[in-house]
N, C-alpha and C. Protein backbone atom coordinates (compact mmCIF):
# COMPACT_ATOMS: atom_id res chain seq x y z
N MET A 1 0.83 -1.19 0.00
CA MET A 1 0.00 0.00 0.00
C MET A 1 0.87 1.26 0.00
N GLU A 2 1.95 1.23 0.75
CA GLU A 2 2.82 2.40 0.84
C GLU A 2 3.40 2.77 -0.52
N GLN A 3 3.78 1.76 -1.31
CA GLN A 3 4.34 2.04 -2.63
C GLN A 3 3.30 2.67 -3.55
N VAL A 4 2.05 2.23 -3.43
CA VAL A 4 0.98 2.80 -4.24
C VAL A 4 0.78 4.26 -3.87
N LEU A 5 0.76 4.56 -2.58
CA LEU A 5 0.60 5.95 -2.15
C LEU A 5 1.75 6.82 -2.64
N LYS A 6 2.96 6.27 -2.63
CA LYS A 6 4.11 7.02 -3.15
C LYS A 6 3.93 7.31 -4.64
N ALA A 7 3.44 6.31 -5.39
CA ALA A 7 3.21 6.51 -6.83
C ALA A 7 2.17 7.58 -7.07
N TRP A 8 1.08 7.58 -6.28
CA TRP A 8 0.05 8.60 -6.42
C TRP A 8 0.61 9.98 -6.12
N ASN A 9 1.46 10.09 -5.11
CA ASN A 9 2.06 11.37 -4.78
C ASN A 9 2.98 11.87 -5.89
N VAL A 10 3.69 10.94 -6.54
CA VAL A 10 4.53 11.32 -7.68
C VAL A 10 3.65 11.89 -8.79
N LEU A 11 2.52 11.23 -9.07
CA LEU A 11 1.60 11.74 -10.09
C LEU A 11 1.09 13.13 -9.72
N ALA A 12 0.79 13.34 -8.46
CA ALA A 12 0.29 14.64 -8.01
C ALA A 12 1.38 15.71 -8.15
N ARG A 13 2.60 15.40 -7.73
CA ARG A 13 3.70 16.38 -7.83
C ARG A 13 4.00 16.75 -9.27
N ARG A 14 3.84 15.79 -10.17
CA ARG A 14 4.08 16.06 -11.59
C ARG A 14 2.86 16.67 -12.26
N GLN A 15 1.84 16.95 -11.49
CA GLN A 15 0.59 17.56 -11.95
C GLN A 15 -0.08 16.71 -13.03
N ILE A 16 0.05 15.39 -12.90
CA ILE A 16 -0.62 14.48 -13.82
C ILE A 16 -2.03 14.20 -13.33
N SER A 17 -2.16 13.84 -12.05
CA SER A 17 -3.48 13.58 -11.49
C SER A 17 -3.41 13.57 -9.96
N THR A 18 -4.42 14.18 -9.36
CA THR A 18 -4.57 14.10 -7.91
C THR A 18 -5.90 13.42 -7.57
N GLN A 19 -6.59 12.92 -8.58
CA GLN A 19 -7.92 12.37 -8.40
C GLN A 19 -7.96 11.23 -7.39
N LEU A 20 -7.02 10.29 -7.47
CA LEU A 20 -7.04 9.13 -6.57
C LEU A 20 -6.84 9.54 -5.12
N ILE A 21 -6.04 10.56 -4.89
CA ILE A 21 -5.83 11.06 -3.54
C ILE A 21 -7.08 11.80 -3.06
N GLU A 22 -7.64 12.64 -3.92
CA GLU A 22 -8.81 13.45 -3.55
C GLU A 22 -10.03 12.59 -3.21
N ILE A 23 -10.26 11.52 -3.96
CA ILE A 23 -11.43 10.70 -3.69
C ILE A 23 -11.14 9.59 -2.67
N GLU A 24 -9.93 9.62 -2.13
CA GLU A 24 -9.50 8.65 -1.12
C GLU A 24 -9.71 7.22 -1.61
N SER A 25 -9.34 7.01 -2.86
CA SER A 25 -9.47 5.69 -3.47
C SER A 25 -8.48 4.73 -2.83
N ARG A 26 -8.89 3.48 -2.73
CA ARG A 26 -8.00 2.45 -2.21
C ARG A 26 -7.49 1.63 -3.39
N PRO A 27 -6.26 1.15 -3.32
CA PRO A 27 -5.77 0.28 -4.39
C PRO A 27 -6.66 -0.95 -4.51
N HIS A 28 -6.84 -1.41 -5.73
CA HIS A 28 -7.69 -2.58 -5.95
C HIS A 28 -7.27 -3.30 -7.22
N ILE A 29 -7.78 -4.49 -7.38
CA ILE A 29 -7.58 -5.25 -8.61
C ILE A 29 -8.96 -5.46 -9.21
N THR A 30 -9.15 -5.02 -10.42
CA THR A 30 -10.44 -5.20 -11.08
C THR A 30 -10.57 -6.65 -11.53
N LEU A 31 -11.61 -7.30 -11.08
CA LEU A 31 -11.85 -8.69 -11.43
C LEU A 31 -12.81 -8.83 -12.61
N TYR A 32 -13.65 -7.83 -12.80
CA TYR A 32 -14.66 -7.90 -13.85
C TYR A 32 -15.19 -6.50 -14.08
N SER A 33 -15.51 -6.20 -15.31
CA SER A 33 -16.09 -4.90 -15.63
C SER A 33 -17.03 -5.06 -16.82
N SER A 34 -18.26 -4.60 -16.66
CA SER A 34 -19.22 -4.65 -17.75
C SER A 34 -20.35 -3.68 -17.47
N PRO A 35 -20.71 -2.86 -18.46
CA PRO A 35 -21.84 -1.96 -18.26
C PRO A 35 -23.17 -2.70 -18.34
N PHE A 36 -23.16 -3.97 -18.73
CA PHE A 36 -24.39 -4.71 -18.96
C PHE A 36 -24.72 -5.72 -17.86
N ALA A 37 -23.89 -5.85 -16.86
CA ALA A 37 -24.09 -6.88 -15.83
C ALA A 37 -25.30 -6.56 -14.96
N ASP A 38 -26.02 -7.61 -14.60
CA ASP A 38 -27.11 -7.50 -13.64
C ASP A 38 -26.46 -7.46 -12.26
N ILE A 39 -26.46 -6.30 -11.63
CA ILE A 39 -25.73 -6.08 -10.38
C ILE A 39 -26.19 -7.03 -9.27
N SER A 40 -27.47 -7.29 -9.16
CA SER A 40 -27.94 -8.17 -8.09
C SER A 40 -27.45 -9.60 -8.30
N LYS A 41 -27.46 -10.09 -9.54
CA LYS A 41 -26.93 -11.42 -9.82
C LYS A 41 -25.43 -11.47 -9.54
N LEU A 42 -24.73 -10.43 -10.02
CA LEU A 42 -23.28 -10.37 -9.82
C LEU A 42 -22.94 -10.34 -8.34
N GLU A 43 -23.67 -9.56 -7.57
CA GLU A 43 -23.43 -9.47 -6.13
C GLU A 43 -23.61 -10.83 -5.45
N ASN A 44 -24.66 -11.55 -5.81
CA ASN A 44 -24.89 -12.88 -5.22
C ASN A 44 -23.78 -13.85 -5.57
N ILE A 45 -23.35 -13.84 -6.81
CA ILE A 45 -22.26 -14.72 -7.25
C ILE A 45 -20.99 -14.41 -6.48
N VAL A 46 -20.65 -13.14 -6.39
CA VAL A 46 -19.41 -12.74 -5.73
C VAL A 46 -19.46 -13.05 -4.24
N LYS A 47 -20.58 -12.76 -3.58
CA LYS A 47 -20.69 -13.07 -2.15
C LYS A 47 -20.55 -14.56 -1.90
N ASN A 48 -21.20 -15.38 -2.69
CA ASN A 48 -21.13 -16.83 -2.55
C ASN A 48 -19.70 -17.31 -2.79
N PHE A 49 -19.08 -16.82 -3.85
CA PHE A 49 -17.71 -17.21 -4.19
C PHE A 49 -16.74 -16.77 -3.08
N ALA A 50 -16.84 -15.54 -2.65
CA ALA A 50 -15.93 -15.00 -1.64
C ALA A 50 -16.05 -15.74 -0.30
N SER A 51 -17.26 -16.19 0.03
CA SER A 51 -17.45 -16.89 1.30
C SER A 51 -16.70 -18.22 1.36
N LYS A 52 -16.31 -18.74 0.20
CA LYS A 52 -15.60 -20.01 0.13
C LYS A 52 -14.09 -19.83 0.00
N GLN A 53 -13.62 -18.60 -0.06
CA GLN A 53 -12.21 -18.34 -0.30
C GLN A 53 -11.47 -17.96 0.98
N GLY A 54 -10.22 -18.37 1.04
CA GLY A 54 -9.34 -17.94 2.13
C GLY A 54 -8.44 -16.82 1.64
N PRO A 55 -7.50 -16.41 2.48
CA PRO A 55 -6.55 -15.37 2.06
C PRO A 55 -5.76 -15.82 0.83
N LEU A 56 -5.44 -14.88 -0.03
CA LEU A 56 -4.71 -15.17 -1.25
C LEU A 56 -3.40 -14.37 -1.23
N PRO A 57 -2.28 -15.04 -0.93
CA PRO A 57 -1.01 -14.31 -0.92
C PRO A 57 -0.71 -13.79 -2.33
N MET A 58 -0.18 -12.58 -2.39
CA MET A 58 0.04 -11.96 -3.68
C MET A 58 1.23 -11.02 -3.63
N SER A 59 1.96 -10.99 -4.72
CA SER A 59 3.01 -9.98 -4.88
C SER A 59 2.86 -9.40 -6.28
N PHE A 60 3.44 -8.25 -6.49
CA PHE A 60 3.32 -7.56 -7.76
C PHE A 60 4.68 -7.45 -8.42
N SER A 61 4.71 -7.71 -9.73
CA SER A 61 5.98 -7.76 -10.44
C SER A 61 6.25 -6.56 -11.33
N SER A 62 5.22 -5.79 -11.64
CA SER A 62 5.46 -4.63 -12.51
C SER A 62 4.33 -3.62 -12.38
N ILE A 63 4.60 -2.44 -12.90
CA ILE A 63 3.61 -1.37 -12.98
C ILE A 63 3.52 -0.98 -14.45
N GLY A 64 2.35 -0.65 -14.91
CA GLY A 64 2.20 -0.31 -16.32
C GLY A 64 0.99 0.57 -16.55
N SER A 65 0.74 0.86 -17.82
CA SER A 65 -0.43 1.63 -18.19
C SER A 65 -1.02 1.03 -19.45
N LEU A 66 -2.32 1.24 -19.62
CA LEU A 66 -2.99 0.72 -20.80
C LEU A 66 -2.94 1.77 -21.91
N PRO A 67 -2.69 1.33 -23.14
CA PRO A 67 -2.59 2.28 -24.26
C PRO A 67 -3.96 2.68 -24.78
N ASN A 68 -4.69 3.43 -23.97
CA ASN A 68 -5.99 3.93 -24.41
C ASN A 68 -6.22 5.31 -23.81
N ASP A 69 -7.39 5.86 -24.05
CA ASP A 69 -7.67 7.22 -23.60
C ASP A 69 -8.22 7.29 -22.18
N LYS A 70 -8.22 6.18 -21.44
CA LYS A 70 -8.76 6.18 -20.09
C LYS A 70 -7.69 6.40 -19.02
N ASN A 71 -6.42 6.52 -19.41
CA ASN A 71 -5.32 6.78 -18.49
C ASN A 71 -5.30 5.80 -17.32
N VAL A 72 -5.26 4.51 -17.64
CA VAL A 72 -5.26 3.45 -16.63
C VAL A 72 -3.82 3.11 -16.25
N LEU A 73 -3.54 3.21 -14.97
CA LEU A 73 -2.26 2.81 -14.41
C LEU A 73 -2.52 1.58 -13.56
N PHE A 74 -1.70 0.53 -13.71
CA PHE A 74 -1.99 -0.70 -12.98
C PHE A 74 -0.73 -1.34 -12.43
N LEU A 75 -0.93 -2.15 -11.39
CA LEU A 75 0.11 -3.03 -10.86
C LEU A 75 -0.21 -4.42 -11.37
N ALA A 76 0.77 -5.13 -11.87
CA ALA A 76 0.56 -6.48 -12.38
C ALA A 76 0.96 -7.49 -11.31
N PRO A 77 0.01 -8.33 -10.90
CA PRO A 77 0.36 -9.35 -9.91
C PRO A 77 1.26 -10.42 -10.54
N THR A 78 2.15 -10.97 -9.75
CA THR A 78 2.98 -12.07 -10.19
C THR A 78 2.09 -13.31 -10.28
N PRO A 79 1.99 -13.93 -11.46
CA PRO A 79 1.13 -15.11 -11.58
C PRO A 79 1.64 -16.26 -10.71
N THR A 80 0.73 -16.83 -9.96
CA THR A 80 1.02 -18.00 -9.15
C THR A 80 -0.08 -19.01 -9.41
N LEU A 81 0.16 -20.24 -9.07
CA LEU A 81 -0.86 -21.26 -9.27
C LEU A 81 -2.13 -20.91 -8.50
N SER A 82 -1.99 -20.45 -7.26
CA SER A 82 -3.17 -20.11 -6.46
C SER A 82 -3.94 -18.94 -7.06
N LEU A 83 -3.26 -17.94 -7.61
CA LEU A 83 -3.93 -16.81 -8.24
C LEU A 83 -4.65 -17.26 -9.52
N LEU A 84 -4.00 -18.07 -10.33
CA LEU A 84 -4.63 -18.54 -11.56
C LEU A 84 -5.83 -19.44 -11.27
N GLN A 85 -5.73 -20.27 -10.24
CA GLN A 85 -6.86 -21.11 -9.85
C GLN A 85 -8.02 -20.25 -9.35
N PHE A 86 -7.71 -19.23 -8.54
CA PHE A 86 -8.73 -18.31 -8.04
C PHE A 86 -9.46 -17.67 -9.21
N HIS A 87 -8.70 -17.16 -10.17
CA HIS A 87 -9.30 -16.48 -11.32
C HIS A 87 -10.13 -17.44 -12.16
N SER A 88 -9.61 -18.65 -12.38
CA SER A 88 -10.34 -19.64 -13.16
C SER A 88 -11.66 -20.00 -12.49
N GLN A 89 -11.64 -20.20 -11.19
CA GLN A 89 -12.86 -20.54 -10.45
C GLN A 89 -13.87 -19.40 -10.49
N LEU A 90 -13.39 -18.17 -10.33
CA LEU A 90 -14.28 -17.01 -10.40
C LEU A 90 -14.91 -16.90 -11.78
N CYS A 91 -14.11 -17.08 -12.83
CA CYS A 91 -14.64 -17.01 -14.19
C CYS A 91 -15.69 -18.08 -14.42
N ASP A 92 -15.43 -19.29 -13.94
CA ASP A 92 -16.40 -20.37 -14.09
C ASP A 92 -17.72 -20.02 -13.40
N GLU A 93 -17.63 -19.51 -12.17
CA GLU A 93 -18.83 -19.12 -11.42
C GLU A 93 -19.61 -18.04 -12.17
N MET A 94 -18.89 -17.08 -12.71
CA MET A 94 -19.56 -15.97 -13.40
C MET A 94 -20.20 -16.44 -14.70
N LYS A 95 -19.51 -17.30 -15.43
CA LYS A 95 -20.06 -17.78 -16.70
C LYS A 95 -21.32 -18.61 -16.47
N GLU A 96 -21.39 -19.29 -15.33
CA GLU A 96 -22.59 -20.07 -15.00
C GLU A 96 -23.74 -19.20 -14.53
N GLY A 97 -23.42 -18.08 -13.87
CA GLY A 97 -24.46 -17.29 -13.22
C GLY A 97 -24.94 -16.06 -13.95
N ILE A 98 -24.13 -15.51 -14.84
CA ILE A 98 -24.54 -14.30 -15.56
C ILE A 98 -24.13 -14.41 -17.02
N GLU A 99 -24.78 -13.64 -17.83
CA GLU A 99 -24.46 -13.58 -19.26
C GLU A 99 -23.24 -12.70 -19.43
N VAL A 100 -22.11 -13.29 -19.84
CA VAL A 100 -20.89 -12.50 -19.99
C VAL A 100 -20.60 -12.15 -21.44
N GLY A 101 -21.31 -12.74 -22.37
CA GLY A 101 -21.09 -12.43 -23.78
C GLY A 101 -19.93 -13.24 -24.35
N THR A 102 -19.94 -13.43 -25.64
CA THR A 102 -18.95 -14.26 -26.30
C THR A 102 -17.55 -13.70 -26.18
N SER A 103 -17.36 -12.40 -26.40
CA SER A 103 -16.01 -11.83 -26.36
C SER A 103 -15.45 -11.87 -24.95
N MET A 104 -16.27 -11.60 -23.93
CA MET A 104 -15.79 -11.65 -22.55
C MET A 104 -15.47 -13.09 -22.17
N SER A 105 -16.26 -14.04 -22.60
CA SER A 105 -16.02 -15.45 -22.31
C SER A 105 -14.68 -15.89 -22.91
N ARG A 106 -14.41 -15.49 -24.16
CA ARG A 106 -13.13 -15.83 -24.79
C ARG A 106 -11.98 -15.18 -24.04
N TYR A 107 -12.16 -13.93 -23.60
CA TYR A 107 -11.12 -13.23 -22.83
C TYR A 107 -10.84 -13.98 -21.53
N MET A 108 -11.90 -14.34 -20.82
CA MET A 108 -11.73 -15.06 -19.54
C MET A 108 -10.98 -16.36 -19.77
N ASP A 109 -11.35 -17.11 -20.81
CA ASP A 109 -10.70 -18.37 -21.10
C ASP A 109 -9.23 -18.17 -21.47
N SER A 110 -8.92 -17.16 -22.28
CA SER A 110 -7.55 -16.96 -22.70
C SER A 110 -6.67 -16.47 -21.56
N PHE A 111 -7.23 -15.65 -20.66
CA PHE A 111 -6.44 -15.17 -19.52
C PHE A 111 -6.07 -16.33 -18.62
N VAL A 112 -7.06 -17.17 -18.34
CA VAL A 112 -6.84 -18.28 -17.41
C VAL A 112 -5.86 -19.28 -18.00
N SER A 113 -5.97 -19.56 -19.29
CA SER A 113 -5.08 -20.55 -19.90
C SER A 113 -3.74 -19.95 -20.30
N GLY A 114 -3.67 -18.61 -20.34
CA GLY A 114 -2.43 -17.95 -20.71
C GLY A 114 -2.17 -17.90 -22.20
N SER A 115 -3.19 -18.17 -23.01
CA SER A 115 -3.00 -18.17 -24.47
C SER A 115 -3.29 -16.81 -25.06
C-alpha cells in the first residue's frame, strides 16, 4: 500500500493527477467490468464465491499503463498457481451465473489458460 501511495504522490507532484488522492481511493484489482451486468446477480455470485475463499497471498511484479484514452495505471500481480486457480474458479462461477457475452467469455478463457 505504501508504494501505491508514493506513486500517487509522484503523479500529483508532476501535476498528472490528484484524483485518486482526492477521492481517497484504495488500491484494488479489477476482477470484472461490464456496463451490462445484472448487479444483483453479480453481487450474489461474488458473495457466494468469496465466502468459500481464504486469504490469497500476492506480490506484484510490474507497474504499467494501458494504451488507451482512459489513463489506466496498474500493478501487475505475479502469476502463481493459487492466483490462476482463483481467477479460473471465479470465471467459471460468473459464466454459469450471468451472461458474460462471447467476447468476454473468450477473454476469460484466454487469460486463465495464458494463451
